Protein backbone atom coordinates (compact mmCIF):
# COMPACT_ATOMS: atom_id res chain seq x y z
CA UNK A 1 0.00 0.00 0.00
CA UNK A 2 2.97 2.31 0.44
CA UNK A 3 3.19 3.02 -3.30
CA UNK A 4 -0.45 4.07 -3.49
CA UNK A 5 -1.03 7.82 -3.01
CA UNK A 6 -3.30 9.29 -0.38
CA UNK A 7 -5.16 11.45 -2.92
CA UNK A 8 -6.33 10.94 -6.49
CA UNK A 9 -8.23 12.75 -9.25
CA UNK A 10 -11.80 11.93 -10.23
CA UNK A 11 -14.38 13.43 -12.61
CA UNK A 12 -17.45 14.53 -10.65
CA UNK A 13 -20.69 15.45 -12.39
CA UNK A 14 -22.88 18.02 -10.65
CA UNK A 15 -25.07 18.56 -13.70
CA UNK A 16 -24.86 17.64 -17.37
CA UNK A 17 -23.10 20.92 -18.11
CA UNK A 18 -21.08 21.07 -14.89
CA UNK A 19 -18.32 18.46 -14.59
CA UNK A 20 -15.23 19.05 -12.47
CA UNK A 21 -11.99 17.13 -11.97
CA UNK A 22 -11.57 16.98 -8.20
CA UNK A 23 -9.04 15.59 -5.75
CA UNK A 24 -10.47 12.94 -3.43
CA UNK A 25 -9.08 10.39 -1.02
CA UNK A 26 -7.93 7.05 -2.41
CA UNK A 27 -10.12 4.40 -0.76
CA UNK A 28 -8.40 1.51 1.06
CA UNK A 29 -9.68 -2.04 0.60
CA UNK A 30 -11.15 -3.80 3.62
CA UNK A 31 -11.35 -7.57 3.96
CA UNK A 32 -12.73 -9.13 0.80
CA UNK A 33 -12.19 -6.02 -1.32
CA UNK A 34 -9.64 -4.91 -3.91
CA UNK A 35 -8.30 -1.58 -5.14
CA UNK A 36 -7.82 -1.16 -8.89
CA UNK A 37 -5.62 1.39 -10.61
CA UNK A 38 -7.70 2.60 -13.53
CA UNK A 39 -6.15 2.43 -17.00
CA UNK A 40 -9.14 3.08 -19.26
CA UNK A 41 -12.76 4.01 -18.65
CA UNK A 42 -15.52 4.64 -21.16
CA UNK A 43 -18.24 7.26 -21.03
CA UNK A 44 -21.56 5.46 -21.33
CA UNK A 45 -24.30 6.51 -23.74
CA UNK A 46 -26.74 6.11 -20.85
CA UNK A 47 -24.97 8.93 -19.02
CA UNK A 48 -26.06 11.26 -21.84
CA UNK A 49 -29.70 11.01 -20.77
CA UNK A 50 -30.15 14.26 -18.85
CA UNK A 51 -33.15 13.08 -16.81
CA UNK A 52 -31.35 9.89 -15.79
CA UNK A 53 -28.00 11.33 -14.74
CA UNK A 54 -29.49 14.36 -12.97
CA UNK A 55 -31.40 12.20 -10.50
CA UNK A 56 -28.10 10.55 -9.49
CA UNK A 57 -26.00 13.73 -9.33
CA UNK A 58 -23.63 14.61 -7.85
CA UNK A 59 -21.62 11.51 -8.73
CA UNK A 60 -18.23 10.45 -10.01
CA UNK A 61 -19.03 9.71 -13.63
CA UNK A 62 -18.29 6.44 -15.38
CA UNK A 63 -19.00 2.73 -14.98
CA UNK A 64 -17.00 1.13 -17.79
CA UNK A 65 -13.49 0.81 -16.29
CA UNK A 66 -10.56 -1.54 -16.72
CA UNK A 67 -7.28 -1.51 -14.89
CA UNK A 68 -4.75 -3.32 -12.70
CA UNK A 69 -5.18 -4.73 -9.21
CA UNK A 70 -3.18 -2.39 -6.96
CA UNK A 71 -4.10 -3.68 -3.50
CA UNK A 72 -5.93 -6.69 -2.10
CA UNK A 73 -7.82 -7.05 1.16
CA UNK A 74 -7.57 -10.14 3.30
CA UNK A 75 -9.59 -13.11 2.14
CA UNK A 76 -9.39 -12.45 -1.61
CA UNK A 77 -7.76 -15.59 -2.99
CA UNK A 78 -8.55 -15.61 -6.71
CA UNK A 79 -6.82 -12.34 -7.67
CA UNK A 80 -3.19 -11.22 -7.52
CA UNK A 81 -1.47 -7.84 -7.55
CA UNK A 82 -1.02 -6.68 -11.14
CA UNK A 83 -3.92 -8.73 -12.53
CA UNK A 84 -5.62 -6.93 -15.40
CA UNK A 85 -9.34 -6.69 -14.76
CA UNK A 86 -12.58 -5.42 -16.27
CA UNK A 87 -15.09 -4.19 -13.70
CA UNK A 88 -18.86 -4.19 -13.62
CA UNK A 89 -20.58 -1.58 -11.48
CA UNK A 90 -23.19 -4.10 -10.31
CA UNK A 91 -23.01 -7.77 -9.36
CA UNK A 92 -25.71 -10.18 -8.17
CA UNK A 93 -25.79 -12.50 -5.18
CA UNK A 94 -26.05 -15.60 -7.45
CA UNK A 95 -28.22 -17.41 -4.87
CA UNK A 96 -31.67 -15.76 -4.79
CA UNK A 97 -34.66 -16.91 -6.86
CA UNK A 98 -34.11 -14.13 -9.38
CA UNK A 99 -30.49 -15.13 -9.91
CA UNK A 100 -31.46 -18.78 -10.19
CA UNK A 101 -33.55 -17.93 -13.24
CA UNK A 102 -30.96 -15.59 -14.72
CA UNK A 103 -32.79 -12.34 -13.92
CA UNK A 104 -29.62 -10.90 -12.40
CA UNK A 105 -30.46 -7.21 -12.87
CA UNK A 106 -33.49 -7.59 -10.61
CA UNK A 107 -31.50 -9.11 -7.75
CA UNK A 108 -31.52 -6.83 -4.69
CA UNK A 109 -27.74 -7.25 -4.35
CA UNK A 110 -27.18 -6.30 -8.00
CA UNK A 111 -29.19 -3.11 -7.56
CA UNK A 112 -27.38 -1.89 -4.44
CA UNK A 113 -23.80 -2.70 -5.46
CA UNK A 114 -21.50 -0.10 -6.97
CA UNK A 115 -17.89 0.83 -7.63
CA UNK A 116 -16.29 3.42 -5.32
CA UNK A 117 -16.16 6.28 -6.14
CA UNK A 118 -16.89 5.66 -9.85
CA UNK A 119 -15.27 4.70 -13.13
CA UNK A 120 -13.52 7.92 -14.15
CA UNK A 121 -11.13 8.10 -11.24
CA UNK A 122 -7.50 7.14 -10.88
CA UNK A 123 -8.27 4.33 -8.41
CA UNK A 124 -11.44 2.32 -7.86
CA UNK A 125 -12.47 0.31 -4.82
CA UNK A 126 -14.24 -2.92 -5.73
CA UNK A 127 -16.44 -4.10 -2.84
CA UNK A 128 -16.68 -7.78 -1.95
CA UNK A 129 -20.01 -8.30 -3.72
CA UNK A 130 -18.78 -6.69 -6.96
CA UNK A 131 -15.99 -9.26 -7.22
CA UNK A 132 -18.67 -11.66 -8.44
CA UNK A 133 -18.58 -9.87 -11.81
CA UNK A 134 -14.95 -8.73 -11.92
CA UNK A 135 -13.19 -10.42 -14.83
CA UNK A 136 -9.49 -11.09 -15.32
CA UNK A 137 -8.60 -10.11 -18.88
CA UNK A 138 -5.81 -11.55 -21.04
CA UNK A 139 -2.42 -9.83 -21.08
CA UNK A 140 -2.70 -9.08 -24.81
CA UNK A 141 -6.10 -7.38 -24.59
CA UNK A 142 -5.66 -3.59 -24.50
CA UNK A 143 -7.23 -1.81 -21.55
CA UNK A 144 -9.37 0.23 -23.95
CA UNK A 145 -10.86 -2.99 -25.30
CA UNK A 146 -11.39 -4.33 -21.78
CA UNK A 147 -13.31 -1.17 -20.90
CA UNK A 148 -15.85 -2.14 -23.57
CA UNK A 149 -16.88 -5.29 -21.68
CA UNK A 150 -19.78 -3.57 -19.91
CA UNK A 151 -21.35 -1.78 -22.91
CA UNK A 152 -20.85 -4.79 -25.18
CA UNK A 153 -22.42 -7.03 -22.53
CA UNK A 154 -25.56 -4.87 -22.74
CA UNK A 155 -25.67 -5.58 -26.47
CA UNK A 156 -25.08 -9.30 -25.90
CA UNK A 157 -28.07 -9.34 -23.57
CA UNK A 158 -30.20 -7.28 -25.96
CA UNK A 159 -29.67 -9.75 -28.80
CA UNK A 160 -30.29 -12.68 -26.46
CA UNK A 161 -33.53 -11.11 -25.24
CA UNK A 162 -34.53 -10.68 -28.88
CA UNK A 163 -33.63 -14.32 -29.65
CA UNK A 164 -31.40 -13.17 -32.52
CA UNK A 165 -29.58 -15.91 -34.40
CA UNK A 166 -27.81 -16.22 -37.75
CA UNK A 167 -31.15 -16.59 -39.55
CA UNK A 168 -32.66 -13.42 -38.07
CA UNK A 169 -33.27 -10.29 -40.10
CA UNK A 170 -32.52 -7.41 -37.75
CA UNK A 171 -33.15 -3.68 -37.96
CA UNK A 172 -31.33 -1.32 -35.59
CA UNK A 173 -32.90 2.11 -35.07
CA UNK A 174 -30.32 4.60 -33.83
CA UNK A 175 -26.68 4.21 -34.89
CA UNK A 176 -24.77 5.71 -32.00
CA UNK A 177 -22.10 3.67 -30.27
CA UNK A 178 -24.56 1.11 -28.88
CA UNK A 179 -26.47 0.82 -32.15
CA UNK A 180 -23.22 0.25 -34.04
CA UNK A 181 -22.22 -2.44 -31.54
CA UNK A 182 -25.54 -4.17 -32.30
CA UNK A 183 -24.79 -3.96 -36.03
CA UNK A 184 -21.27 -5.32 -35.60
CA UNK A 185 -22.29 -8.23 -33.40
CA UNK A 186 -25.20 -9.33 -35.61
CA UNK A 187 -23.04 -9.10 -38.74
CA UNK A 188 -20.20 -11.01 -37.07
CA UNK A 189 -22.62 -13.82 -36.25
CA UNK A 190 -23.60 -14.04 -39.91
CA UNK A 191 -26.95 -12.34 -39.55
CA UNK A 192 -28.67 -9.86 -41.84
CA UNK A 193 -28.77 -6.41 -40.27
CA UNK A 194 -29.77 -2.93 -41.42
CA UNK A 195 -29.74 0.42 -39.65
CA UNK A 196 -31.63 3.69 -39.42
CA UNK A 197 -30.25 7.05 -38.31
CA UNK A 198 -30.72 10.74 -39.07
CA UNK A 199 -26.96 11.19 -39.53
CA UNK A 200 -25.57 10.03 -42.87
CA UNK A 201 -22.06 9.63 -41.44
CA UNK A 202 -23.36 7.21 -38.83
CA UNK A 203 -25.13 5.26 -41.55
CA UNK A 204 -21.82 4.96 -43.37
CA UNK A 205 -20.21 3.64 -40.19
CA UNK A 206 -22.89 0.98 -39.97
CA UNK A 207 -22.19 -0.14 -43.53
CA UNK A 208 -18.49 -0.40 -42.73
CA UNK A 209 -19.31 -2.63 -39.75
CA UNK A 210 -21.37 -5.07 -41.78
CA UNK A 211 -24.84 -3.60 -42.23
CA UNK A 212 -26.49 -4.61 -45.48
CA UNK A 213 -28.07 -1.17 -45.75
CA UNK A 214 -28.65 1.99 -43.71
CA UNK A 215 -30.98 4.90 -44.34
CA UNK A 216 -32.53 8.00 -42.72
CA UNK A 217 -35.98 7.82 -41.09
CA UNK A 218 -37.35 9.94 -43.94
CA UNK A 219 -36.88 7.04 -46.38
CA UNK A 220 -40.34 5.55 -45.90
CA UNK A 221 -39.92 2.86 -48.58
CA UNK A 222 -36.67 1.39 -47.22
CA UNK A 223 -38.29 -0.86 -44.61
CA UNK A 224 -40.58 -2.46 -47.18
CA UNK A 225 -37.70 -2.90 -49.63
CA UNK A 226 -35.26 -4.41 -47.11
CA UNK A 227 -37.63 -6.19 -44.72
CA UNK A 228 -39.29 -8.06 -43.24
CA UNK A 229 -37.45 -7.68 -39.95
CA UNK A 230 -38.12 -10.33 -37.33
CA UNK A 231 -36.21 -8.32 -34.72
CA UNK A 232 -36.12 -4.53 -34.43
CA UNK A 233 -33.89 -2.87 -31.83
CA UNK A 234 -35.28 0.49 -30.71
CA UNK A 235 -32.16 2.33 -29.60
CA UNK A 236 -33.46 5.74 -28.46
CA UNK A 237 -35.90 5.87 -25.56
CA UNK A 238 -38.50 7.97 -27.35
CA UNK A 239 -42.05 7.56 -28.60
CA UNK A 240 -40.84 8.26 -32.14
CA UNK A 241 -38.29 5.43 -32.03
CA UNK A 242 -40.67 2.97 -30.38
CA UNK A 243 -43.43 3.67 -32.89
CA UNK A 244 -41.00 3.30 -35.80
CA UNK A 245 -39.73 0.01 -34.40
CA UNK A 246 -43.21 -1.44 -33.98
CA UNK A 247 -44.19 -0.36 -37.50
CA UNK A 248 -41.06 -1.96 -38.98
CA UNK A 249 -41.44 -5.25 -37.14
CA UNK A 250 -42.71 -8.30 -39.03
CA UNK A 251 -45.78 -10.20 -37.78
CA UNK A 252 -44.76 -12.53 -34.98
CA UNK A 253 -41.54 -10.55 -34.50
CA UNK A 254 -39.89 -8.86 -31.53
CA UNK A 255 -39.12 -5.23 -30.74
CA UNK A 256 -36.25 -4.89 -28.26
CA UNK A 257 -36.61 -1.71 -26.18
CA UNK A 258 -32.95 -0.96 -25.49
CA UNK A 259 -33.29 2.44 -23.78
CA UNK A 260 -35.93 3.66 -21.31
CA UNK A 261 -38.10 6.69 -21.76
CA UNK A 262 -37.87 9.39 -19.09
CA UNK A 263 -39.81 8.72 -15.89
CA UNK A 264 -43.55 9.17 -16.22
CA UNK A 265 -43.68 9.34 -20.02
CA UNK A 266 -46.78 7.70 -21.50
CA UNK A 267 -46.49 6.26 -25.01
CA UNK A 268 -49.68 5.55 -26.93
CA UNK A 269 -49.53 2.21 -28.76
CA UNK A 270 -52.16 0.72 -31.07
CA UNK A 271 -53.09 -2.33 -29.01
CA UNK A 272 -55.19 -3.88 -31.77
CA UNK A 273 -52.32 -3.72 -34.28
CA UNK A 274 -49.88 -5.11 -31.71
CA UNK A 275 -52.26 -7.94 -30.86
CA UNK A 276 -53.27 -8.95 -34.39
CA UNK A 277 -49.66 -8.92 -35.64
CA UNK A 278 -48.45 -10.62 -32.43
CA UNK A 279 -45.52 -8.27 -32.03
CA UNK A 280 -43.64 -8.77 -28.76
CA UNK A 281 -42.18 -5.79 -26.88
CA UNK A 282 -39.12 -6.90 -24.90
CA UNK A 283 -37.18 -4.44 -22.71
CA UNK A 284 -33.48 -5.13 -22.21
CA UNK A 285 -31.93 -3.48 -19.17
CA UNK A 286 -28.16 -3.51 -18.51
CA UNK A 287 -26.37 -6.89 -18.35
CA UNK A 288 -25.51 -9.73 -16.01
CA UNK A 289 -22.42 -11.88 -15.42
CA UNK A 290 -23.21 -14.32 -18.23
CA UNK A 291 -23.32 -11.40 -20.63
CA UNK A 292 -20.05 -9.84 -19.43
CA UNK A 293 -18.24 -13.14 -19.89
CA UNK A 294 -19.56 -13.48 -23.42
CA UNK A 295 -18.59 -9.88 -24.16
CA UNK A 296 -15.05 -10.53 -22.94
CA UNK A 297 -14.83 -13.56 -25.20
CA UNK A 298 -15.95 -11.51 -28.21
CA UNK A 299 -13.42 -8.78 -27.45
CA UNK A 300 -10.61 -11.27 -26.86
CA UNK A 301 -11.29 -12.83 -30.27
CA UNK A 302 -11.11 -9.38 -31.90
CA UNK A 303 -14.66 -9.52 -33.25
CA UNK A 304 -15.23 -6.07 -31.76
CA UNK A 305 -12.35 -3.60 -31.51
CA UNK A 306 -12.25 -0.15 -29.90
CA UNK A 307 -11.37 1.68 -33.11
CA UNK A 308 -14.68 0.55 -34.64
CA UNK A 309 -16.73 2.78 -32.33
CA UNK A 310 -14.38 4.94 -30.25
CA UNK A 311 -13.98 8.41 -31.75
CA UNK A 312 -12.44 10.31 -28.82
CA UNK A 313 -9.42 9.31 -26.72
CA UNK A 314 -8.75 11.72 -23.86
CA UNK A 315 -7.12 11.95 -20.45
CA UNK A 316 -9.11 12.94 -17.38
CA UNK A 317 -8.54 16.65 -18.04
CA UNK A 318 -10.25 16.31 -21.42
CA UNK A 319 -13.12 14.15 -20.19
CA UNK A 320 -15.61 16.97 -19.48
CA UNK A 321 -15.25 18.42 -22.97
CA UNK A 322 -15.50 14.94 -24.50
CA UNK A 323 -18.71 14.37 -22.53
CA UNK A 324 -20.12 17.59 -23.99
CA UNK A 325 -19.20 16.45 -27.50
CA UNK A 326 -20.96 13.12 -26.94
CA UNK A 327 -24.09 14.96 -25.78
CA UNK A 328 -23.98 17.04 -28.96
CA UNK A 329 -24.03 13.90 -31.11
CA UNK A 330 -22.89 13.98 -34.71
CA UNK A 331 -19.49 12.42 -35.28
CA UNK A 332 -18.62 11.83 -31.64
CA UNK A 333 -19.74 8.31 -30.84
CA UNK A 334 -17.77 7.00 -27.90
CA UNK A 335 -15.11 8.38 -25.58
CA UNK A 336 -12.43 6.42 -23.75
CA UNK A 337 -10.69 8.18 -20.89
CA UNK A 338 -7.13 6.85 -20.59
CA UNK A 339 -5.00 7.00 -17.46
CA UNK A 340 -1.24 6.96 -18.04
Foldseek 3Di string as FASTA:
>chain_A
DVVDDQKWWFWWDQALQDIDIDIDGQDDDEALKWKWFWFKFWQDPQCLPRLVVNVVPGAGGGFLTKGFTCGHYPPDDPDDGGFTKTFGQFAAPCPDPCNVVPVRCPHPRRVPGGWPRHHGMRMIMHHNRRVNQIDGADPPQDRNLSSCLFLLLLLVQLCVLQVDALAFAEEEEDQFLSSLSNLLVNVLRNHAYEYEDQAPVSQVLSVVSGHPGYYYPVPVCVLVVRDQGQEYEQADQDLVSVVVRVVNHAQVHEYEDEDHHRPPDDHDDDPVSCVVSVYHYHYRDGHHNVSSVVSSVCSVVVSDDCVSRADEEEASVCVSVLSVVVSVDDPGRMYMHGDD
